[in-house]
Amino acid sequence: MSLKFNHKYLLATFLIIFLGITSRKISAIPFFVGDILYAIMMYCLIHTFIRSNHKTIQFLIPLVFCFIIELLQLIDVNWLNSIRKTTLGHYALGQGFLWSDLLCYTMGVSIAFSIDIAVKD
């Protein structure tokens, strides 16, 4: 595993952020799409800075990160709740634990990982 900046992943991160915010504003788009896009965004953001030749590591780091963020929603701490009340905090940390979000995150990371592998091979 190495630290190496990759501008293509950063560009993809910003594109996914735009799509994710847009998906929350358009009522015709199912709510779970935003959660899938969140996981894809986390995959791209993490891979902007961290690369590994091990495919398992490439897949697990963003997935575990998304799961941790979701599990943090079970914690009721004042300082964390105050961050969640801000717009950016709400987008980044979410509000309210849902088991279905874990499935969406798994789907999102799987999609990003599959595209990443297909483009490189």
C-alpha atoms as a PDB file:
ATOM      1  CA  MET A   1       0.000   0.000   0.000  1.00  0.00           C
ATOM      2  CA  SER A   2       1.340   3.427  -0.845  1.00  0.00           C
ATOM      3  CA  LEU A   3       0.389   7.058  -0.584  1.00  0.00           C
ATOM      4  CA  LYS A   4       0.216   8.549  -4.036  1.00  0.00           C
ATOM      5  CA  PHE A   5      -1.980  11.384  -5.260  1.00  0.00           C
ATOM      6  CA  ASN A   6      -4.183  10.521  -8.238  1.00  0.00           C
ATOM      7  CA  HIS A   7      -6.022  13.446  -9.814  1.00  0.00           C
ATOM      8  CA  LYS A   8      -8.371  11.191 -11.830  1.00  0.00           C
ATOM      9  CA  TYR A   9      -9.903   9.773  -8.671  1.00  0.00           C
ATOM     10  CA  LEU A  10     -10.201  13.266  -7.197  1.00  0.00           C
ATOM     11  CA  LEU A  11     -12.039  14.483 -10.287  1.00  0.00           C
ATOM     12  CA  ALA A  12     -14.339  11.457 -10.086  1.00  0.00           C
ATOM     13  CA  THR A  13     -14.925  12.243  -6.387  1.00  0.00           C
ATOM     14  CA  PHE A  14     -16.192  15.736  -7.196  1.00  0.00           C
ATOM     15  CA  LEU A  15     -18.388  14.413  -9.998  1.00  0.00           C
ATOM     16  CA  ILE A  16     -19.926  11.813  -7.682  1.00  0.00           C
ATOM     17  CA  ILE A  17     -20.492  14.445  -4.967  1.00  0.00           C
ATOM     18  CA  PHE A  18     -22.401  16.550  -7.505  1.00  0.00           C
ATOM     19  CA  LEU A  19     -24.452  13.541  -8.627  1.00  0.00           C
ATOM     20  CA  GLY A  20     -25.122  12.530  -5.016  1.00  0.00           C
ATOM     21  CA  ILE A  21     -26.375  15.959  -3.975  1.00  0.00           C
ATOM     22  CA  THR A  22     -28.456  16.148  -7.140  1.00  0.00           C
ATOM     23  CA  SER A  23     -29.961  12.737  -6.391  1.00  0.00           C
ATOM     24  CA  ARG A  24     -31.197  14.026  -3.019  1.00  0.00           C
ATOM     25  CA  LYS A  25     -32.847  17.057  -4.646  1.00  0.00           C
ATOM     26  CA  ILE A  26     -34.803  15.164  -7.319  1.00  0.00           C
ATOM     27  CA  SER A  27     -37.716  13.311  -5.760  1.00  0.00           C
ATOM     28  CA  ALA A  28     -38.040  10.865  -8.684  1.00  0.00           C
ATOM     29  CA  ILE A  29     -34.640   9.329  -7.829  1.00  0.00           C
ATOM     30  CA  PRO A  30     -34.948   6.652  -5.125  1.00  0.00           C
ATOM     31  CA  PHE A  31     -33.290   7.629  -1.856  1.00  0.00           C
ATOM     32  CA  PHE A  32     -30.985   4.589  -1.818  1.00  0.00           C
ATOM     33  CA  VAL A  33     -29.220   5.828  -4.975  1.00  0.00           C
ATOM     34  CA  GLY A  34     -27.590   8.555  -2.873  1.00  0.00           C
ATOM     35  CA  ASP A  35     -26.206   5.918  -0.503  1.00  0.00           C
ATOM     36  CA  ILE A  36     -24.757   3.935  -3.405  1.00  0.00           C
ATOM     37  CA  LEU A  37     -23.205   7.125  -4.795  1.00  0.00           C
ATOM     38  CA  TYR A  38     -21.820   7.922  -1.315  1.00  0.00           C
ATOM     39  CA  ALA A  39     -19.959   4.610  -1.308  1.00  0.00           C
ATOM     40  CA  ILE A  40     -18.655   5.200  -4.834  1.00  0.00           C
ATOM     41  CA  MET A  41     -17.506   8.662  -3.753  1.00  0.00           C
ATOM     42  CA  MET A  42     -15.720   7.192  -0.712  1.00  0.00           C
ATOM     43  CA  TYR A  43     -14.011   4.641  -2.960  1.00  0.00           C
ATOM     44  CA  CYS A  44     -12.783   7.405  -5.274  1.00  0.00           C
ATOM     45  CA  LEU A  45     -11.764   9.715  -2.422  1.00  0.00           C
ATOM     46  CA  ILE A  46      -9.769   7.031  -0.640  1.00  0.00           C
ATOM     47  CA  HIS A  47      -8.126   5.942  -3.883  1.00  0.00           C
ATOM     48  CA  THR A  48      -7.185   9.548  -4.613  1.00  0.00           C
ATOM     49  CA  PHE A  49      -4.518   9.169  -1.937  1.00  0.00           C
ATOM     50  CA  ILE A  50      -4.040   5.452  -1.220  1.00  0.00           C
ATOM     51  CA  ARG A  51      -3.181   2.739  -3.727  1.00  0.00           C
ATOM     52  CA  SER A  52      -2.589  -0.937  -3.191  1.00  0.00           C
ATOM     53  CA  ASN A  53      -1.738  -3.752  -5.550  1.00  0.00           C
ATOM     54  CA  HIS A  54      -3.884  -6.069  -3.435  1.00  0.00           C
ATOM     55  CA  LYS A  55      -7.410  -6.095  -4.798  1.00  0.00           C
ATOM     56  CA  THR A  56      -8.852  -7.185  -1.456  1.00  0.00           C
ATOM     57  CA  ILE A  57      -7.357  -4.120   0.241  1.00  0.00           C
ATOM     58  CA  GLN A  58      -8.611  -1.852  -2.563  1.00  0.00           C
ATOM     59  CA  PHE A  59     -12.120  -3.156  -1.932  1.00  0.00           C
ATOM     60  CA  LEU A  60     -12.110  -3.388   1.867  1.00  0.00           C
ATOM     61  CA  ILE A  61     -10.697  -0.002   2.895  1.00  0.00           C
ATOM     62  CA  PRO A  62     -13.560   2.089   1.440  1.00  0.00           C
ATOM     63  CA  LEU A  63     -16.169  -0.490   2.482  1.00  0.00           C
ATOM     64  CA  VAL A  64     -14.963  -0.590   6.091  1.00  0.00           C
ATOM     65  CA  PHE A  65     -14.801   3.207   6.160  1.00  0.00           C
ATOM     66  CA  CYS A  66     -18.437   3.452   4.972  1.00  0.00           C
ATOM     67  CA  PHE A  67     -19.515   0.851   7.536  1.00  0.00           C
ATOM     68  CA  ILE A  68     -17.759   2.767  10.331  1.00  0.00           C
ATOM     69  CA  ILE A  69     -19.498   6.004   9.328  1.00  0.00           C
ATOM     70  CA  GLU A  70     -22.849   4.183   9.378  1.00  0.00           C
ATOM     71  CA  LEU A  71     -22.144   2.540  12.739  1.00  0.00           C
ATOM     72  CA  LEU A  72     -21.169   5.932  14.194  1.00  0.00           C
ATOM     73  CA  GLN A  73     -24.805   6.911  13.682  1.00  0.00           C
ATOM     74  CA  LEU A  74     -25.642   4.600  16.579  1.00  0.00           C
ATOM     75  CA  ILE A  75     -23.584   6.809  18.889  1.00  0.00           C
ATOM     76  CA  ASP A  76     -25.391   9.697  20.545  1.00  0.00           C
ATOM     77  CA  VAL A  77     -22.649  12.205  21.399  1.00  0.00           C
ATOM     78  CA  ASN A  78     -23.321  15.950  21.558  1.00  0.00           C
ATOM     79  CA  TRP A  79     -20.304  17.080  19.520  1.00  0.00           C
ATOM     80  CA  LEU A  80     -21.017  14.479  16.821  1.00  0.00           C
ATOM     81  CA  ASN A  81     -24.700  15.425  16.721  1.00  0.00           C
ATOM     82  CA  SER A  82     -23.801  19.099  16.328  1.00  0.00           C
ATOM     83  CA  ILE A  83     -21.632  18.235  13.308  1.00  0.00           C
ATOM     84  CA  ARG A  84     -24.492  16.197  11.820  1.00  0.00           C
ATOM     85  CA  LYS A  85     -26.775  19.253  12.074  1.00  0.00           C
ATOM     86  CA  THR A  86     -24.643  21.146   9.553  1.00  0.00           C
ATOM     87  CA  THR A  87     -25.240  20.593   5.830  1.00  0.00           C
ATOM     88  CA  LEU A  88     -21.770  19.192   5.169  1.00  0.00           C
ATOM     89  CA  GLY A  89     -21.889  17.109   8.353  1.00  0.00           C
ATOM     90  CA  HIS A  90     -25.256  15.692   7.386  1.00  0.00           C
ATOM     91  CA  TYR A  91     -23.978  14.695   3.933  1.00  0.00           C
ATOM     92  CA  ALA A  92     -20.732  13.235   5.293  1.00  0.00           C
ATOM     93  CA  LEU A  93     -21.946  11.519   8.472  1.00  0.00           C
ATOM     94  CA  GLY A  94     -25.614  10.904   7.744  1.00  0.00           C
ATOM     95  CA  GLN A  95     -28.347  10.689  10.315  1.00  0.00           C
ATOM     96  CA  GLY A  96     -29.924   7.532  11.652  1.00  0.00           C
ATOM     97  CA  PHE A  97     -28.545   4.015  11.308  1.00  0.00           C
ATOM     98  CA  LEU A  98     -30.147   1.780   8.673  1.00  0.00           C
ATOM     99  CA  TRP A  99     -29.185  -1.808   7.883  1.00  0.00           C
ATOM    100  CA  SER A 100     -30.174  -1.168   4.278  1.00  0.00           C
ATOM    101  CA  ASP A 101     -27.444   1.487   4.028  1.00  0.00           C
ATOM    102  CA  LEU A 102     -24.839  -1.211   4.643  1.00  0.00           C
ATOM    103  CA  LEU A 103     -26.205  -3.080   1.628  1.00  0.00           C
ATOM    104  CA  CYS A 104     -26.139   0.119  -0.470  1.00  0.00           C
ATOM    105  CA  TYR A 105     -22.540   0.792   0.575  1.00  0.00           C
ATOM    106  CA  THR A 106     -21.563  -2.744  -0.386  1.00  0.00           C
ATOM    107  CA  MET A 107     -23.233  -2.277  -3.769  1.00  0.00           C
ATOM    108  CA  GLY A 108     -21.566   1.119  -4.309  1.00  0.00           C
ATOM    109  CA  VAL A 109     -18.067  -0.070  -3.445  1.00  0.00           C
ATOM    110  CA  SER A 110     -18.627  -3.168  -5.602  1.00  0.00           C
ATOM    111  CA  ILE A 111     -19.662  -1.014  -8.554  1.00  0.00           C
ATOM    112  CA  ALA A 112     -16.680   1.321  -8.151  1.00  0.00           C
ATOM    113  CA  PHE A 113     -14.281  -1.587  -7.674  1.00  0.00           C
ATOM    114  CA  SER A 114     -15.639  -3.388 -10.752  1.00  0.00           C
ATOM    115  CA  ILE A 115     -15.316  -0.269 -12.912  1.00  0.00           C
ATOM    116  CA  ASP A 116     -11.823   0.364 -11.540  1.00  0.00           C
ATOM    117  CA  ILE A 117     -10.700  -3.182 -12.368  1.00  0.00           C
ATOM    118  CA  ALA A 118     -12.346  -3.121 -15.830  1.00  0.00           C
ATOM    119  CA  VAL A 119     -10.714   0.173 -16.773  1.00  0.00           C
ATOM    120  CA  LYS A 120      -7.253  -0.943 -15.630  1.00  0.00           C
ATOM    121  CA  ASP A 121      -7.330  -4.383 -17.254  1.00  0.00           C
END
